N, C-alpha and C. Protein backbone atom coordinates (compact mmCIF):
# COMPACT_ATOMS: atom_id res chain seq x y z
N MET A 1 -116.85 208.60 -157.03
CA MET A 1 -116.43 208.61 -156.31
C MET A 1 -115.37 207.70 -156.20
N PRO A 2 -113.39 208.61 -156.82
CA PRO A 2 -112.78 207.68 -156.86
C PRO A 2 -112.48 206.67 -154.88
N GLN A 3 -111.85 205.16 -155.12
CA GLN A 3 -111.56 205.03 -154.24
C GLN A 3 -110.26 205.51 -153.56
N LEU A 4 -109.77 205.82 -152.45
CA LEU A 4 -108.70 205.43 -151.47
C LEU A 4 -107.74 204.20 -152.20
N ASP A 5 -106.71 205.01 -152.81
CA ASP A 5 -105.44 204.29 -152.51
C ASP A 5 -105.07 203.78 -151.55
N THR A 6 -104.77 202.45 -151.56
CA THR A 6 -103.89 202.35 -150.08
C THR A 6 -103.67 200.64 -150.23
N SER A 7 -102.75 201.40 -151.61
CA SER A 7 -101.55 200.15 -151.46
C SER A 7 -100.30 200.82 -151.20
N THR A 8 -100.03 201.44 -150.66
CA THR A 8 -98.77 202.00 -149.77
C THR A 8 -98.26 202.44 -148.75
N TRP A 9 -99.60 202.82 -147.89
CA TRP A 9 -99.81 202.63 -146.41
C TRP A 9 -98.64 201.90 -145.60
N PHE A 10 -98.48 201.17 -145.88
CA PHE A 10 -97.84 199.62 -145.90
C PHE A 10 -96.65 200.43 -145.64
N THR A 11 -95.25 200.60 -147.15
CA THR A 11 -94.48 200.60 -146.99
C THR A 11 -94.72 202.47 -146.31
N THR A 12 -94.69 202.67 -146.23
CA THR A 12 -94.90 204.62 -146.24
C THR A 12 -95.44 204.32 -144.48
N ILE A 13 -95.89 203.56 -143.37
CA ILE A 13 -95.86 203.47 -141.90
C ILE A 13 -94.69 203.08 -141.75
N LEU A 14 -94.11 201.52 -142.76
CA LEU A 14 -93.18 201.35 -142.32
C LEU A 14 -91.54 201.53 -142.83
N SER A 15 -91.30 202.84 -143.42
CA SER A 15 -90.73 204.17 -143.50
C SER A 15 -90.43 204.64 -142.10
N MET A 16 -91.96 205.37 -142.28
CA MET A 16 -91.99 206.17 -141.44
C MET A 16 -90.97 205.69 -139.92
N PHE A 17 -91.45 204.67 -139.02
CA PHE A 17 -91.11 203.75 -138.04
C PHE A 17 -89.60 203.64 -138.24
N LEU A 18 -89.27 203.08 -139.34
CA LEU A 18 -87.86 202.69 -139.33
C LEU A 18 -86.45 203.94 -139.02
N THR A 19 -87.52 204.78 -140.11
CA THR A 19 -86.70 206.51 -139.55
C THR A 19 -87.08 207.10 -138.22
N LEU A 20 -88.28 206.80 -137.69
CA LEU A 20 -87.68 207.24 -136.66
C LEU A 20 -87.13 206.53 -135.48
N PHE A 21 -86.87 205.87 -135.64
CA PHE A 21 -86.20 204.24 -134.72
C PHE A 21 -84.62 205.21 -134.93
N ILE A 22 -84.36 204.83 -136.27
CA ILE A 22 -82.47 204.99 -136.66
C ILE A 22 -82.90 206.92 -135.88
N ILE A 23 -83.28 207.96 -136.18
CA ILE A 23 -83.42 209.07 -135.18
C ILE A 23 -83.67 208.34 -133.79
N PHE A 24 -83.65 208.22 -133.35
CA PHE A 24 -84.47 208.28 -131.58
C PHE A 24 -82.59 207.06 -131.51
N GLN A 25 -82.36 206.24 -131.69
CA GLN A 25 -80.70 205.29 -131.55
C GLN A 25 -79.96 207.01 -132.55
N LEU A 26 -80.33 207.44 -132.91
CA LEU A 26 -78.75 208.68 -133.23
C LEU A 26 -78.69 208.71 -131.78
N LYS A 27 -80.15 209.98 -131.39
CA LYS A 27 -80.17 210.81 -129.89
C LYS A 27 -79.67 210.19 -129.40
N ILE A 28 -80.22 209.26 -128.92
CA ILE A 28 -79.28 208.51 -127.37
C ILE A 28 -77.82 208.18 -127.65
N SER A 29 -77.37 207.39 -128.68
CA SER A 29 -76.34 207.15 -129.20
C SER A 29 -75.08 208.59 -128.57
N LYS A 30 -75.77 209.99 -128.29
CA LYS A 30 -75.05 211.46 -128.65
C LYS A 30 -74.69 211.80 -126.90
N HIS A 31 -75.66 211.19 -126.18
CA HIS A 31 -76.43 211.53 -124.92
C HIS A 31 -74.80 210.27 -123.40
N THR A 32 -74.52 211.31 -123.72
CA THR A 32 -72.94 210.83 -121.88
C THR A 32 -73.79 211.04 -121.04
N CYS A 33 -73.52 209.74 -120.47
CA CYS A 33 -74.04 209.33 -118.52
C CYS A 33 -72.97 209.51 -117.95
N HIS A 34 -73.18 210.29 -116.91
CA HIS A 34 -71.47 210.76 -116.12
C HIS A 34 -71.42 208.94 -115.21
N PRO A 35 -70.26 209.42 -115.18
CA PRO A 35 -69.69 207.10 -114.51
C PRO A 35 -70.37 206.86 -112.91
N ASN A 36 -70.79 208.76 -111.70
CA ASN A 36 -70.25 208.17 -110.98
C ASN A 36 -71.51 209.42 -110.00
N PRO A 37 -72.62 209.84 -110.31
CA PRO A 37 -72.82 211.24 -109.92
C PRO A 37 -73.11 211.18 -108.58
N GLU A 38 -72.04 210.15 -107.62
CA GLU A 38 -72.85 210.30 -106.03
C GLU A 38 -71.32 210.11 -105.20
N THR A 39 -70.71 210.92 -106.38
CA THR A 39 -68.73 210.82 -105.75
C THR A 39 -69.50 212.09 -104.82
N THR A 40 -69.54 212.79 -105.63
CA THR A 40 -68.99 214.38 -105.06
C THR A 40 -70.16 214.82 -103.92
N LEU A 41 -70.63 215.34 -103.08
CA LEU A 41 -71.36 215.79 -102.46
C LEU A 41 -71.58 217.60 -101.55
N PRO A 42 -72.24 217.68 -101.71
CA PRO A 42 -72.34 218.98 -101.80
C PRO A 42 -72.16 219.69 -99.94
N MET A 43 -71.87 219.94 -100.17
CA MET A 43 -71.14 220.87 -98.38
C MET A 43 -72.57 221.44 -98.22
N THR A 44 -72.97 221.19 -97.24
CA THR A 44 -74.82 221.19 -96.70
C THR A 44 -74.68 222.45 -95.15
N GLN A 45 -74.87 223.12 -94.89
CA GLN A 45 -74.60 224.10 -94.00
C GLN A 45 -76.53 224.80 -92.93
N LYS A 46 -75.98 223.72 -92.00
CA LYS A 46 -77.49 224.23 -91.51
C LYS A 46 -77.52 225.82 -91.24
N GLN A 47 -79.09 226.36 -91.52
CA GLN A 47 -78.49 227.95 -90.71
C GLN A 47 -79.52 228.03 -89.75
N PRO A 48 -79.86 228.82 -89.17
CA PRO A 48 -80.23 228.35 -87.49
C PRO A 48 -81.49 229.12 -87.57
N THR A 49 -82.55 229.25 -87.49
CA THR A 49 -83.65 230.32 -87.41
C THR A 49 -84.03 230.49 -86.02
N PRO A 50 -84.40 231.38 -86.29
CA PRO A 50 -85.87 232.43 -85.07
C PRO A 50 -86.03 231.79 -83.99
N TRP A 51 -87.50 230.51 -85.34
CA TRP A 51 -88.88 230.06 -84.66
C TRP A 51 -88.13 228.53 -84.40
N GLU A 52 -86.84 228.35 -84.20
CA GLU A 52 -86.57 226.89 -84.37
C GLU A 52 -85.87 226.83 -82.48
N THR A 53 -85.86 227.84 -82.10
CA THR A 53 -84.95 227.96 -80.94
C THR A 53 -86.33 228.20 -79.47
N LYS A 54 -87.02 229.41 -80.34
CA LYS A 54 -88.41 229.52 -79.90
C LYS A 54 -89.23 228.78 -78.75
N TRP A 55 -90.44 229.17 -78.32
CA TRP A 55 -91.57 227.54 -78.85
C TRP A 55 -92.81 228.24 -78.99
N THR A 56 -93.33 228.49 -79.38
CA THR A 56 -94.55 228.60 -80.78
C THR A 56 -95.22 227.55 -80.09
N LYS A 57 -96.67 228.99 -80.28
CA LYS A 57 -98.26 227.85 -80.28
C LYS A 57 -99.14 228.50 -81.68
N ILE A 58 -99.17 227.19 -81.60
CA ILE A 58 -100.73 228.00 -83.12
C ILE A 58 -102.31 227.74 -82.27
N TYR A 59 -102.90 228.97 -81.97
CA TYR A 59 -104.38 228.35 -81.42
C TYR A 59 -105.52 228.47 -82.58
N SER A 60 -105.46 227.49 -82.76
CA SER A 60 -107.02 227.70 -83.09
C SER A 60 -108.05 228.67 -83.32
N PRO A 61 -108.60 228.46 -84.43
CA PRO A 61 -110.07 230.07 -83.53
C PRO A 61 -111.24 229.29 -83.10
N LEU A 62 -111.15 228.39 -82.77
CA LEU A 62 -112.36 226.74 -82.31
C LEU A 62 -111.87 226.20 -81.46
N SER A 63 -110.72 226.52 -80.42
CA SER A 63 -110.22 226.28 -79.66
C SER A 63 -109.62 227.18 -78.28
N LEU A 64 -110.15 228.33 -79.32
CA LEU A 64 -110.71 229.80 -78.50
C LEU A 64 -111.62 229.42 -77.07
N PRO A 65 -111.02 230.64 -76.26
CA PRO A 65 -113.11 230.96 -75.23
C PRO A 65 -113.82 231.30 -76.71
N LEU A 66 -115.67 230.98 -76.02
CA LEU A 66 -116.44 231.70 -76.43
C LEU A 66 -116.51 233.26 -76.81
N GLN A 67 -116.86 234.18 -77.51
CA GLN A 67 -116.26 235.02 -77.21
C GLN A 67 -117.54 236.75 -76.99
N SER A 68 -118.49 236.74 -76.61
CA SER A 68 -120.07 236.76 -76.31
C SER A 68 -120.08 238.17 -76.06
């Protein structure tokens, strides 16, 4: 059974890392970042909901009187 030739592995792995590094650098360099995203504030209007003005109480089954 022949031995596995590992003499070119170092070159292959090194070239793979170099290629990945170049590809990622090219991808990152094309990415544009906005200068200051906090300059525009969104206008939010609060909608009144009916349950905010009413008093409500949620009864837990354990706090109710015992039913006989």
